[in-house]
PDB file of N, CA and C in Angstrom:
ATOM      1  N   UNK A   1       2.140  62.755  -3.604  1.00  0.00           N
ATOM      2  CA  UNK A   1       3.117  62.051  -4.464  1.00  0.00           C
ATOM      3  C   UNK A   1       4.114  61.538  -3.738  1.00  0.00           C
ATOM      4  N   UNK A   2       4.636  62.261  -2.710  1.00  0.00           N
ATOM      5  CA  UNK A   2       5.738  61.858  -2.026  1.00  0.00           C
ATOM      6  C   UNK A   2       5.460  60.469  -1.195  1.00  0.00           C
ATOM      7  N   UNK A   3       4.176  60.655  -0.649  1.00  0.00           N
ATOM      8  CA  UNK A   3       3.691  59.365   0.053  1.00  0.00           C
ATOM      9  C   UNK A   3       3.613  58.157  -0.927  1.00  0.00           C
ATOM     10  N   UNK A   4       3.402  58.357  -2.041  1.00  0.00           N
ATOM     11  CA  UNK A   4       3.287  57.059  -2.839  1.00  0.00           C
ATOM     12  C   UNK A   4       4.627  56.750  -3.269  1.00  0.00           C
ATOM     13  N   UNK A   5       5.509  57.620  -3.410  1.00  0.00           N
ATOM     14  CA  UNK A   5       6.936  57.106  -3.680  1.00  0.00           C
ATOM     15  C   UNK A   5       7.488  56.467  -2.413  1.00  0.00           C
ATOM     16  N   UNK A   6       7.332  56.861  -1.156  1.00  0.00           N
ATOM     17  CA  UNK A   6       7.620  56.324   0.088  1.00  0.00           C
ATOM     18  C   UNK A   6       7.190  54.921   0.113  1.00  0.00           C
ATOM     19  N   UNK A   7       5.804  54.879  -0.040  1.00  0.00           N
ATOM     20  CA  UNK A   7       5.175  53.382  -0.037  1.00  0.00           C
ATOM     21  C   UNK A   7       5.818  52.562  -0.979  1.00  0.00           C
ATOM     22  N   UNK A   8       6.220  53.101  -2.357  1.00  0.00           N
ATOM     23  CA  UNK A   8       6.724  52.193  -3.329  1.00  0.00           C
ATOM     24  C   UNK A   8       8.172  51.660  -2.789  1.00  0.00           C
ATOM     25  N   UNK A   9       8.844  52.535  -2.263  1.00  0.00           N
ATOM     26  CA  UNK A   9      10.150  52.243  -1.606  1.00  0.00           C
ATOM     27  C   UNK A   9      10.096  51.325  -0.457  1.00  0.00           C
ATOM     28  N   UNK A  10       9.026  51.317   0.242  1.00  0.00           N
ATOM     29  CA  UNK A  10       8.933  50.402   1.442  1.00  0.00           C
ATOM     30  C   UNK A  10       8.555  49.106   0.761  1.00  0.00           C
ATOM     31  N   UNK A  11       7.731  48.873  -0.251  1.00  0.00           N
ATOM     32  CA  UNK A  11       7.306  47.745  -0.933  1.00  0.00           C
ATOM     33  C   UNK A  11       8.627  46.953  -1.567  1.00  0.00           C
ATOM     34  N   UNK A  12       9.493  47.896  -2.115  1.00  0.00           N
ATOM     35  CA  UNK A  12      10.530  47.301  -2.883  1.00  0.00           C
ATOM     36  C   UNK A  12      11.595  46.913  -1.727  1.00  0.00           C
ATOM     37  N   UNK A  13      11.797  47.402  -0.504  1.00  0.00           N
ATOM     38  CA  UNK A  13      12.596  47.126   0.503  1.00  0.00           C
ATOM     39  C   UNK A  13      12.031  45.784   0.985  1.00  0.00           C
ATOM     40  N   UNK A  14      10.799  45.667   1.288  1.00  0.00           N
ATOM     41  CA  UNK A  14      10.164  44.335   1.656  1.00  0.00           C
ATOM     42  C   UNK A  14      10.548  43.245   0.896  1.00  0.00           C
ATOM     43  N   UNK A  15      10.287  43.434  -0.423  1.00  0.00           N
ATOM     44  CA  UNK A  15      10.636  42.381  -1.333  1.00  0.00           C
ATOM     45  C   UNK A  15      12.155  41.962  -1.440  1.00  0.00           C
ATOM     46  N   UNK A  16      13.067  42.902  -1.282  1.00  0.00           N
ATOM     47  CA  UNK A  16      14.423  42.703  -1.443  1.00  0.00           C
ATOM     48  C   UNK A  16      14.722  41.907   0.005  1.00  0.00           C
ATOM     49  N   UNK A  17      14.255  42.232   1.170  1.00  0.00           N
ATOM     50  CA  UNK A  17      14.303  41.616   2.410  1.00  0.00           C
ATOM     51  C   UNK A  17      13.821  40.003   2.486  1.00  0.00           C
ATOM     52  N   UNK A  18      12.759  39.954   1.866  1.00  0.00           N
ATOM     53  CA  UNK A  18      12.193  38.586   1.462  1.00  0.00           C
ATOM     54  C   UNK A  18      13.058  37.683   0.816  1.00  0.00           C
ATOM     55  N   UNK A  19      13.534  38.263  -0.292  1.00  0.00           N
ATOM     56  CA  UNK A  19      14.477  37.343  -1.364  1.00  0.00           C
ATOM     57  C   UNK A  19      15.736  37.103  -0.485  1.00  0.00           C
ATOM     58  N   UNK A  20      16.358  38.063   0.252  1.00  0.00           N
ATOM     59  CA  UNK A  20      17.525  37.897   0.988  1.00  0.00           C
ATOM     60  C   UNK A  20      17.385  36.884   2.201  1.00  0.00           C
ATOM     61  N   UNK A  21      16.223  36.970   2.884  1.00  0.00           N
ATOM     62  CA  UNK A  21      15.849  35.875   3.917  1.00  0.00           C
ATOM     63  C   UNK A  21      15.666  34.492   3.293  1.00  0.00           C
ATOM     64  N   UNK A  22      15.209  34.374   2.209  1.00  0.00           N
ATOM     65  CA  UNK A  22      15.167  33.048   1.568  1.00  0.00           C
ATOM     66  C   UNK A  22      16.419  32.468   0.984  1.00  0.00           C
ATOM     67  N   UNK A  23      17.161  33.315   0.551  1.00  0.00           N
ATOM     68  CA  UNK A  23      18.677  33.096   0.114  1.00  0.00           C
ATOM     69  C   UNK A  23      19.698  32.793   1.370  1.00  0.00           C
ATOM     70  N   UNK A  24      19.628  33.633   2.274  1.00  0.00           N
ATOM     71  CA  UNK A  24      20.374  33.695   3.438  1.00  0.00           C
ATOM     72  C   UNK A  24      19.672  33.432   4.618  1.00  0.00           C
ATOM     73  N   UNK A  25      19.119  32.250   5.075  1.00  0.00           N
ATOM     74  CA  UNK A  25      18.416  31.971   6.279  1.00  0.00           C
ATOM     75  C   UNK A  25      19.276  32.196   7.420  1.00  0.00           C
ATOM     76  N   UNK A  26      18.560  32.940   8.313  1.00  0.00           N
ATOM     77  CA  UNK A  26      19.201  33.332   9.559  1.00  0.00           C
ATOM     78  C   UNK A  26      20.464  34.160   9.268  1.00  0.00           C
ATOM     79  N   UNK A  27      20.713  34.893   8.464  1.00  0.00           N
ATOM     80  CA  UNK A  27      21.810  35.823   7.898  1.00  0.00           C
ATOM     81  C   UNK A  27      23.015  34.833   7.812  1.00  0.00           C
ATOM     82  N   UNK A  28      22.876  33.577   7.391  1.00  0.00           N
ATOM     83  CA  UNK A  28      23.866  32.754   7.182  1.00  0.00           C
ATOM     84  C   UNK A  28      23.884  32.190   5.661  1.00  0.00           C
ATOM     85  N   UNK A  29      24.592  31.502   5.487  1.00  0.00           N
ATOM     86  CA  UNK A  29      24.717  30.807   3.990  1.00  0.00           C
ATOM     87  C   UNK A  29      23.664  29.576   4.155  1.00  0.00           C
ATOM     88  N   UNK A  30      23.043  29.405   3.135  1.00  0.00           N
ATOM     89  CA  UNK A  30      21.816  28.235   3.022  1.00  0.00           C
ATOM     90  C   UNK A  30      22.529  26.863   3.362  1.00  0.00           C
ATOM     91  N   UNK A  31      23.638  26.605   2.998  1.00  0.00           N
ATOM     92  CA  UNK A  31      24.112  25.030   3.024  1.00  0.00           C
ATOM     93  C   UNK A  31      24.617  25.070   4.477  1.00  0.00           C
ATOM     94  N   UNK A  32      24.797  25.995   5.249  1.00  0.00           N
ATOM     95  CA  UNK A  32      24.870  25.920   6.706  1.00  0.00           C
ATOM     96  C   UNK A  32      23.423  25.520   7.494  1.00  0.00           C
ATOM     97  N   UNK A  33      22.292  25.833   6.854  1.00  0.00           N
ATOM     98  CA  UNK A  33      21.083  25.676   7.536  1.00  0.00           C
ATOM     99  C   UNK A  33      20.369  24.378   6.862  1.00  0.00           C
ATOM    100  N   UNK A  34      20.349  24.229   5.649  1.00  0.00           N
ATOM    101  CA  UNK A  34      19.727  23.050   4.701  1.00  0.00           C
ATOM    102  C   UNK A  34      20.631  22.019   4.582  1.00  0.00           C
ATOM    103  N   UNK A  35      19.952  20.873   4.680  1.00  0.00           N
ATOM    104  CA  UNK A  35      20.859  19.679   4.741  1.00  0.00           C
ATOM    105  C   UNK A  35      20.809  18.940   3.294  1.00  0.00           C
ATOM    106  N   UNK A  36      22.024  18.655   2.735  1.00  0.00           N
ATOM    107  CA  UNK A  36      22.015  18.243   1.287  1.00  0.00           C
ATOM    108  C   UNK A  36      21.370  17.002   0.889  1.00  0.00           C
ATOM    109  N   UNK A  37      20.866  16.284   1.929  1.00  0.00           N
ATOM    110  CA  UNK A  37      20.366  14.764   2.019  1.00  0.00           C
ATOM    111  C   UNK A  37      18.831  15.202   1.310  1.00  0.00           C
ATOM    112  N   UNK A  38      18.240  16.395   1.682  1.00  0.00           N
ATOM    113  CA  UNK A  38      16.857  16.716   1.233  1.00  0.00           C
ATOM    114  C   UNK A  38      16.908  16.735  -0.361  1.00  0.00           C
ATOM    115  N   UNK A  39      17.955  17.589  -0.868  1.00  0.00           N
ATOM    116  CA  UNK A  39      17.966  17.564  -2.348  1.00  0.00           C
ATOM    117  C   UNK A  39      18.469  16.344  -2.952  1.00  0.00           C
ATOM    118  N   UNK A  40      19.237  15.515  -2.380  1.00  0.00           N
ATOM    119  CA  UNK A  40      19.741  14.187  -2.864  1.00  0.00           C
ATOM    120  C   UNK A  40      18.377  13.244  -3.006  1.00  0.00           C
ATOM    121  N   UNK A  41      17.755  13.294  -2.008  1.00  0.00           N
ATOM    122  CA  UNK A  41      16.371  12.543  -1.942  1.00  0.00           C
ATOM    123  C   UNK A  41      15.403  12.936  -2.961  1.00  0.00           C
ATOM    124  N   UNK A  42      15.347  14.218  -3.306  1.00  0.00           N
ATOM    125  CA  UNK A  42      14.372  14.687  -4.120  1.00  0.00           C
ATOM    126  C   UNK A  42      14.863  14.526  -5.580  1.00  0.00           C
ATOM    127  N   UNK A  43      16.147  14.851  -5.933  1.00  0.00           N
ATOM    128  CA  UNK A  43      16.691  14.699  -7.364  1.00  0.00           C
ATOM    129  C   UNK A  43      17.650  13.773  -7.611  1.00  0.00           C
ATOM    130  N   UNK A  44      18.204  12.898  -6.603  1.00  0.00           N
ATOM    131  CA  UNK A  44      19.031  11.950  -6.916  1.00  0.00           C
ATOM    132  C   UNK A  44      20.653  12.429  -7.198  1.00  0.00           C
ATOM    133  N   UNK A  45      21.262  11.340  -7.847  1.00  0.00           N
ATOM    134  CA  UNK A  45      22.618  11.734  -8.270  1.00  0.00           C
ATOM    135  C   UNK A  45      22.711  12.940  -9.103  1.00  0.00           C
ATOM    136  N   UNK A  46      21.697  13.160  -9.869  1.00  0.00           N
ATOM    137  CA  UNK A  46      21.544  14.404 -10.844  1.00  0.00           C
ATOM    138  C   UNK A  46      22.035  15.561 -10.232  1.00  0.00           C
ATOM    139  N   UNK A  47      21.461  15.680  -9.014  1.00  0.00           N
ATOM    140  CA  UNK A  47      21.683  17.034  -8.109  1.00  0.00           C
ATOM    141  C   UNK A  47      23.024  17.165  -8.037  1.00  0.00           C
ATOM    142  N   UNK A  48      23.990  16.462  -7.574  1.00  0.00           N
ATOM    143  CA  UNK A  48      25.347  16.464  -7.483  1.00  0.00           C
ATOM    144  C   UNK A  48      25.968  16.645  -8.867  1.00  0.00           C
ATOM    145  N   UNK A  49      25.575  16.173  -9.812  1.00  0.00           N
ATOM    146  CA  UNK A  49      26.249  16.373 -11.087  1.00  0.00           C
ATOM    147  C   UNK A  49      25.859  17.898 -11.615  1.00  0.00           C
ATOM    148  N   UNK A  50      24.535  18.469 -11.265  1.00  0.00           N
ATOM    149  CA  UNK A  50      24.250  19.798 -11.663  1.00  0.00           C
ATOM    150  C   UNK A  50      25.148  20.801 -10.759  1.00  0.00           C
ATOM    151  N   UNK A  51      25.185  20.491  -9.514  1.00  0.00           N
ATOM    152  CA  UNK A  51      26.034  21.423  -8.493  1.00  0.00           C
ATOM    153  C   UNK A  51      27.490  21.509  -9.085  1.00  0.00           C
ATOM    154  N   UNK A  52      28.065  20.189  -9.630  1.00  0.00           N
ATOM    155  CA  UNK A  52      29.444  20.306 -10.051  1.00  0.00           C
ATOM    156  C   UNK A  52      29.585  21.051 -11.332  1.00  0.00           C
ATOM    157  N   UNK A  53      28.701  20.784 -12.210  1.00  0.00           N
ATOM    158  CA  UNK A  53      28.451  21.486 -13.530  1.00  0.00           C
ATOM    159  C   UNK A  53      28.607  23.016 -13.497  1.00  0.00           C
ATOM    160  N   UNK A  54      27.841  23.712 -12.306  1.00  0.00           N
ATOM    161  CA  UNK A  54      27.434  24.956 -12.282  1.00  0.00           C
ATOM    162  C   UNK A  54      28.414  25.690 -11.198  1.00  0.00           C
ATOM    163  N   UNK A  55      29.318  24.869 -10.631  1.00  0.00           N
ATOM    164  CA  UNK A  55      30.102  25.423  -9.602  1.00  0.00           C
ATOM    165  C   UNK A  55      31.224  26.300 -10.089  1.00  0.00           C
ATOM    166  N   UNK A  56      31.479  27.425  -9.386  1.00  0.00           N
ATOM    167  CA  UNK A  56      32.621  28.279 -10.014  1.00  0.00           C
ATOM    168  C   UNK A  56      33.784  27.761  -9.079  1.00  0.00           C
ATOM    169  N   UNK A  57      35.028  27.456  -9.739  1.00  0.00           N
ATOM    170  CA  UNK A  57      36.201  27.027  -9.241  1.00  0.00           C
ATOM    171  C   UNK A  57      36.710  27.967  -8.026  1.00  0.00           C
ATOM    172  N   UNK A  58      37.484  28.817  -8.554  1.00  0.00           N
ATOM    173  CA  UNK A  58      38.065  29.757  -7.489  1.00  0.00           C
ATOM    174  C   UNK A  58      37.349  31.033  -7.276  1.00  0.00           C
ATOM    175  N   UNK A  59      36.339  31.348  -7.984  1.00  0.00           N
ATOM    176  CA  UNK A  59      35.713  32.693  -8.068  1.00  0.00           C
ATOM    177  C   UNK A  59      35.039  32.805  -6.755  1.00  0.00           C
ATOM    178  N   UNK A  60      34.892  34.048  -6.065  1.00  0.00           N
ATOM    179  CA  UNK A  60      34.201  33.928  -4.838  1.00  0.00           C
ATOM    180  C   UNK A  60      32.823  34.744  -5.141  1.00  0.00           C
ATOM    181  N   UNK A  61      31.970  33.957  -5.874  1.00  0.00           N
ATOM    182  CA  UNK A  61      30.729  34.405  -6.263  1.00  0.00           C
ATOM    183  C   UNK A  61      29.580  33.440  -5.778  1.00  0.00           C
ATOM    184  N   UNK A  62      28.251  33.916  -5.742  1.00  0.00           N
ATOM    185  CA  UNK A  62      27.305  32.822  -5.523  1.00  0.00           C
ATOM    186  C   UNK A  62      26.822  32.543  -6.766  1.00  0.00           C
ATOM    187  N   UNK A  63      26.135  31.287  -6.787  1.00  0.00           N
ATOM    188  CA  UNK A  63      25.489  30.761  -7.882  1.00  0.00           C
ATOM    189  C   UNK A  63      23.990  30.333  -7.535  1.00  0.00           C
ATOM    190  N   UNK A  64      22.987  30.744  -8.067  1.00  0.00           N
ATOM    191  CA  UNK A  64      21.592  30.384  -7.800  1.00  0.00           C
ATOM    192  C   UNK A  64      21.315  29.217  -8.850  1.00  0.00           C
ATOM    193  N   UNK A  65      20.899  28.160  -8.266  1.00  0.00           N
ATOM    194  CA  UNK A  65      20.395  26.914  -9.226  1.00  0.00           C
ATOM    195  C   UNK A  65      18.921  27.065  -8.984  1.00  0.00           C
ATOM    196  N   UNK A  66      18.023  27.121  -9.914  1.00  0.00           N
ATOM    197  CA  UNK A  66      16.613  27.051  -9.555  1.00  0.00           C
ATOM    198  C   UNK A  66      15.880  25.912 -10.415  1.00  0.00           C
ATOM    199  N   UNK A  67      14.954  25.262  -9.547  1.00  0.00           N
ATOM    200  CA  UNK A  67      14.278  24.062 -10.129  1.00  0.00           C
ATOM    201  C   UNK A  67      13.137  24.570 -11.108  1.00  0.00           C
ATOM    202  N   UNK A  68      13.127  23.850 -12.193  1.00  0.00           N
ATOM    203  CA  UNK A  68      12.064  24.229 -13.200  1.00  0.00           C
ATOM    204  C   UNK A  68      10.942  23.268 -13.130  1.00  0.00           C
TER     205      UNK A  68
END
């Protein structure tokens, strides 16, 4: 039972690390790695409108915008 619990914990840690690596590539902020021109080419002017609409003014929080 202890081995199964350790395996479950290791799997959860792996999943969390994968999400963190995706959101913070190279242990930095995504906007420091990815160029905004890719998103502009893919979604056009609407991309900037969505960013502005969902941005937090002075709060020090992250916002995740996902494609549907």
